[in-house]
Amino acid sequence: MSAEASVDPRGPRFAATVTTVVLAIVLISGWWPLLAVQTVVFALGAFGGLRMAPYSVLYRTLVAPRLRPTSEREDAAPLRFAQAVGFGFTLVGVVGYATDTLVMAQIATAFALLAAFLNAAFDFCLGCEVYPLLRRVTPRDKRA
């Protein structure tokens, strides 16, 4: 089992909280370079792994040592999928801001914000809920 097969579930909630703040600032201010940074954060988590994600690093080094240990674990695969979905929405947002297509940018950013807020405030990871549904409908073996 890899080191990333399961994670402390408090880490993704921390990351969702930071992400919520970042995306809210982007929507309020329209300062899209910050959205570009968030897009890179999502890309690192989705494609490089959660251990490489900057908010995960912050959680492990600054927050987790101050908390009581937990035996509760969460599968990393749905979390990485959620990061990939966040990457997609924020990338659309960056393209929208960069091309002066503000409605597209704001809608895409708002969707990412909604998903992050649901996780941060209610411990509901939208991407994590979609992940097993997609796994059920996606063929696992193309030889069949």
C-alpha atoms as a PDB file:
ATOM      1  CA  MET A   1       0.000   0.000   0.000  1.00  0.00           C
ATOM      2  CA  SER A   2       1.420   3.395  -0.951  1.00  0.00           C
ATOM      3  CA  ALA A   3       1.944   6.158   1.565  1.00  0.00           C
ATOM      4  CA  GLU A   4      -0.790   8.092  -0.180  1.00  0.00           C
ATOM      5  CA  ALA A   5      -3.372   5.279  -0.233  1.00  0.00           C
ATOM      6  CA  SER A   6      -5.055   6.863   2.760  1.00  0.00           C
ATOM      7  CA  VAL A   7      -4.856  10.250   4.406  1.00  0.00           C
ATOM      8  CA  ASP A   8      -5.870  11.994   7.604  1.00  0.00           C
ATOM      9  CA  PRO A   9      -9.339  13.347   6.708  1.00  0.00           C
ATOM     10  CA  ARG A  10      -8.663  16.592   8.549  1.00  0.00           C
ATOM     11  CA  GLY A  11      -6.054  17.519   5.920  1.00  0.00           C
ATOM     12  CA  PRO A  12      -8.497  17.748   3.005  1.00  0.00           C
ATOM     13  CA  ARG A  13     -10.884  19.799   5.190  1.00  0.00           C
ATOM     14  CA  PHE A  14      -8.031  22.206   5.948  1.00  0.00           C
ATOM     15  CA  ALA A  15      -7.194  22.409   2.234  1.00  0.00           C
ATOM     16  CA  ALA A  16     -10.853  23.025   1.392  1.00  0.00           C
ATOM     17  CA  THR A  17     -10.988  25.856   3.919  1.00  0.00           C
ATOM     18  CA  VAL A  18      -7.921  27.555   2.446  1.00  0.00           C
ATOM     19  CA  THR A  19      -9.288  26.982  -1.053  1.00  0.00           C
ATOM     20  CA  THR A  20     -12.637  28.509  -0.058  1.00  0.00           C
ATOM     21  CA  VAL A  21     -10.906  31.659   1.156  1.00  0.00           C
ATOM     22  CA  VAL A  22      -8.733  31.885  -1.962  1.00  0.00           C
ATOM     23  CA  LEU A  23     -11.661  31.429  -4.348  1.00  0.00           C
ATOM     24  CA  ALA A  24     -13.837  33.900  -2.433  1.00  0.00           C
ATOM     25  CA  ILE A  25     -11.064  36.498  -2.701  1.00  0.00           C
ATOM     26  CA  VAL A  26     -10.865  35.865  -6.450  1.00  0.00           C
ATOM     27  CA  LEU A  27     -14.611  36.293  -6.922  1.00  0.00           C
ATOM     28  CA  ILE A  28     -14.766  39.429  -4.781  1.00  0.00           C
ATOM     29  CA  SER A  29     -11.667  41.093  -6.204  1.00  0.00           C
ATOM     30  CA  GLY A  30     -11.472  39.676  -9.736  1.00  0.00           C
ATOM     31  CA  TRP A  31      -7.739  39.233  -9.171  1.00  0.00           C
ATOM     32  CA  TRP A  32      -7.331  36.242 -11.436  1.00  0.00           C
ATOM     33  CA  PRO A  33      -3.554  35.656 -10.959  1.00  0.00           C
ATOM     34  CA  LEU A  34      -4.554  34.254  -7.556  1.00  0.00           C
ATOM     35  CA  LEU A  35      -6.920  31.897  -9.392  1.00  0.00           C
ATOM     36  CA  ALA A  36      -3.986  30.821 -11.568  1.00  0.00           C
ATOM     37  CA  VAL A  37      -2.032  29.966  -8.404  1.00  0.00           C
ATOM     38  CA  GLN A  38      -4.996  27.942  -7.101  1.00  0.00           C
ATOM     39  CA  THR A  39      -5.117  26.129 -10.438  1.00  0.00           C
ATOM     40  CA  VAL A  40      -1.477  25.097  -9.954  1.00  0.00           C
ATOM     41  CA  VAL A  41      -2.300  23.961  -6.398  1.00  0.00           C
ATOM     42  CA  PHE A  42      -5.093  21.762  -7.758  1.00  0.00           C
ATOM     43  CA  ALA A  43      -2.833  20.413 -10.523  1.00  0.00           C
ATOM     44  CA  LEU A  44      -0.151  19.409  -8.029  1.00  0.00           C
ATOM     45  CA  GLY A  45      -2.690  17.568  -5.866  1.00  0.00           C
ATOM     46  CA  ALA A  46      -4.467  15.892  -8.751  1.00  0.00           C
ATOM     47  CA  PHE A  47      -1.565  14.932 -10.978  1.00  0.00           C
ATOM     48  CA  GLY A  48       1.429  14.965  -8.631  1.00  0.00           C
ATOM     49  CA  GLY A  49      -0.275  13.452  -5.612  1.00  0.00           C
ATOM     50  CA  LEU A  50      -1.673  14.802  -2.384  1.00  0.00           C
ATOM     51  CA  ARG A  51       1.723  14.740  -0.679  1.00  0.00           C
ATOM     52  CA  MET A  52       2.922  17.343  -3.198  1.00  0.00           C
ATOM     53  CA  ALA A  53      -0.087  19.640  -2.820  1.00  0.00           C
ATOM     54  CA  PRO A  54       0.943  22.868  -1.057  1.00  0.00           C
ATOM     55  CA  TYR A  55      -2.021  22.907   1.335  1.00  0.00           C
ATOM     56  CA  SER A  56      -1.267  19.306   2.290  1.00  0.00           C
ATOM     57  CA  VAL A  57       2.304  20.278   3.052  1.00  0.00           C
ATOM     58  CA  LEU A  58       1.065  23.178   5.205  1.00  0.00           C
ATOM     59  CA  TYR A  59      -1.327  20.872   7.033  1.00  0.00           C
ATOM     60  CA  ARG A  60       1.324  18.212   7.693  1.00  0.00           C
ATOM     61  CA  THR A  61       3.999  20.646   8.849  1.00  0.00           C
ATOM     62  CA  LEU A  62       2.037  23.355  10.677  1.00  0.00           C
ATOM     63  CA  VAL A  63      -1.376  22.012  11.685  1.00  0.00           C
ATOM     64  CA  ALA A  64      -1.199  18.245  12.202  1.00  0.00           C
ATOM     65  CA  PRO A  65       1.610  18.362  14.790  1.00  0.00           C
ATOM     66  CA  ARG A  66      -0.665  20.497  16.986  1.00  0.00           C
ATOM     67  CA  LEU A  67      -3.596  18.062  16.782  1.00  0.00           C
ATOM     68  CA  ARG A  68      -4.199  14.790  18.512  1.00  0.00           C
ATOM     69  CA  PRO A  69      -3.345  11.796  16.338  1.00  0.00           C
ATOM     70  CA  THR A  70      -6.256  10.096  14.636  1.00  0.00           C
ATOM     71  CA  SER A  71      -6.675   6.569  13.395  1.00  0.00           C
ATOM     72  CA  GLU A  72      -9.368   7.737  10.981  1.00  0.00           C
ATOM     73  CA  ARG A  73      -8.229   7.469   7.373  1.00  0.00           C
ATOM     74  CA  GLU A  74      -9.706   8.454   4.024  1.00  0.00           C
ATOM     75  CA  ASP A  75      -8.979   6.967   0.598  1.00  0.00           C
ATOM     76  CA  ALA A  76      -6.758   9.311  -1.422  1.00  0.00           C
ATOM     77  CA  ALA A  77      -8.127   8.385  -4.879  1.00  0.00           C
ATOM     78  CA  PRO A  78     -11.457  10.250  -4.544  1.00  0.00           C
ATOM     79  CA  LEU A  79      -9.605  13.235  -3.108  1.00  0.00           C
ATOM     80  CA  ARG A  80      -7.249  13.333  -6.079  1.00  0.00           C
ATOM     81  CA  PHE A  81     -10.253  13.131  -8.385  1.00  0.00           C
ATOM     82  CA  ALA A  82     -11.812  16.075  -6.536  1.00  0.00           C
ATOM     83  CA  GLN A  83      -8.546  17.988  -7.022  1.00  0.00           C
ATOM     84  CA  ALA A  84      -8.717  17.223 -10.751  1.00  0.00           C
ATOM     85  CA  VAL A  85     -12.284  18.525 -10.939  1.00  0.00           C
ATOM     86  CA  GLY A  86     -11.190  21.671  -9.091  1.00  0.00           C
ATOM     87  CA  PHE A  87      -8.325  21.998 -11.544  1.00  0.00           C
ATOM     88  CA  GLY A  88     -10.756  21.828 -14.460  1.00  0.00           C
ATOM     89  CA  PHE A  89     -13.067  24.504 -13.084  1.00  0.00           C
ATOM     90  CA  THR A  90     -10.283  26.868 -12.072  1.00  0.00           C
ATOM     91  CA  LEU A  91      -8.528  26.393 -15.412  1.00  0.00           C
ATOM     92  CA  VAL A  92     -11.749  27.418 -17.176  1.00  0.00           C
ATOM     93  CA  GLY A  93     -11.906  30.367 -14.787  1.00  0.00           C
ATOM     94  CA  VAL A  94      -8.341  31.439 -15.591  1.00  0.00           C
ATOM     95  CA  VAL A  95      -8.989  31.176 -19.325  1.00  0.00           C
ATOM     96  CA  GLY A  96     -12.178  33.188 -18.874  1.00  0.00           C
ATOM     97  CA  TYR A  97     -10.453  35.960 -16.963  1.00  0.00           C
ATOM     98  CA  ALA A  98      -7.473  35.981 -19.356  1.00  0.00           C
ATOM     99  CA  THR A  99      -9.735  36.283 -22.413  1.00  0.00           C
ATOM    100  CA  ASP A 100     -12.053  38.808 -20.766  1.00  0.00           C
ATOM    101  CA  THR A 101     -14.944  36.338 -20.747  1.00  0.00           C
ATOM    102  CA  LEU A 102     -15.939  37.370 -17.240  1.00  0.00           C
ATOM    103  CA  VAL A 103     -19.252  35.521 -16.980  1.00  0.00           C
ATOM    104  CA  MET A 104     -17.568  32.222 -17.855  1.00  0.00           C
ATOM    105  CA  ALA A 105     -14.723  32.986 -15.440  1.00  0.00           C
ATOM    106  CA  GLN A 106     -17.027  33.881 -12.579  1.00  0.00           C
ATOM    107  CA  ILE A 107     -19.336  30.893 -13.084  1.00  0.00           C
ATOM    108  CA  ALA A 108     -16.447  28.415 -13.223  1.00  0.00           C
ATOM    109  CA  THR A 109     -14.826  29.992 -10.162  1.00  0.00           C
ATOM    110  CA  ALA A 110     -18.152  29.990  -8.314  1.00  0.00           C
ATOM    111  CA  PHE A 111     -18.623  26.263  -8.990  1.00  0.00           C
ATOM    112  CA  ALA A 112     -15.154  25.557  -7.603  1.00  0.00           C
ATOM    113  CA  LEU A 113     -15.928  27.763  -4.600  1.00  0.00           C
ATOM    114  CA  LEU A 114     -19.208  25.963  -3.943  1.00  0.00           C
ATOM    115  CA  ALA A 115     -17.506  22.557  -3.938  1.00  0.00           C
ATOM    116  CA  ALA A 116     -14.697  23.779  -1.666  1.00  0.00           C
ATOM    117  CA  PHE A 117     -17.181  25.426   0.698  1.00  0.00           C
ATOM    118  CA  LEU A 118     -19.306  22.276   0.958  1.00  0.00           C
ATOM    119  CA  ASN A 119     -16.215  20.339   2.007  1.00  0.00           C
ATOM    120  CA  ALA A 120     -14.912  22.997   4.393  1.00  0.00           C
ATOM    121  CA  ALA A 121     -18.211  23.802   6.096  1.00  0.00           C
ATOM    122  CA  PHE A 122     -20.138  20.549   5.940  1.00  0.00           C
ATOM    123  CA  ASP A 123     -17.484  17.853   5.437  1.00  0.00           C
ATOM    124  CA  PHE A 124     -19.131  17.032   2.098  1.00  0.00           C
ATOM    125  CA  CYS A 125     -16.628  16.384  -0.677  1.00  0.00           C
ATOM    126  CA  LEU A 126     -18.613  16.686  -3.877  1.00  0.00           C
ATOM    127  CA  GLY A 127     -15.837  15.226  -6.043  1.00  0.00           C
ATOM    128  CA  CYS A 128     -15.441  12.352  -3.598  1.00  0.00           C
ATOM    129  CA  GLU A 129     -19.142  11.557  -3.957  1.00  0.00           C
ATOM    130  CA  VAL A 130     -18.985  11.623  -7.758  1.00  0.00           C
ATOM    131  CA  TYR A 131     -15.836   9.464  -7.906  1.00  0.00           C
ATOM    132  CA  PRO A 132     -17.441   6.091  -6.979  1.00  0.00           C
ATOM    133  CA  LEU A 133     -20.367   6.790  -9.307  1.00  0.00           C
ATOM    134  CA  LEU A 134     -17.977   7.282 -12.202  1.00  0.00           C
ATOM    135  CA  ARG A 135     -16.046   4.167 -11.206  1.00  0.00           C
ATOM    136  CA  ARG A 136     -19.262   2.133 -11.481  1.00  0.00           C
ATOM    137  CA  VAL A 137     -20.029   3.289 -15.008  1.00  0.00           C
ATOM    138  CA  THR A 138     -16.442   3.300 -16.312  1.00  0.00           C
ATOM    139  CA  PRO A 139     -15.237  -0.016 -17.765  1.00  0.00           C
ATOM    140  CA  ARG A 140     -12.230  -1.258 -15.822  1.00  0.00           C
ATOM    141  CA  ASP A 141     -10.965  -3.736 -18.362  1.00  0.00           C
ATOM    142  CA  LYS A 142     -11.162  -2.763 -22.005  1.00  0.00           C
ATOM    143  CA  ARG A 143     -10.596  -6.365 -23.113  1.00  0.00           C
ATOM    144  CA  ALA A 144     -14.073  -7.362 -21.980  1.00  0.00           C
END
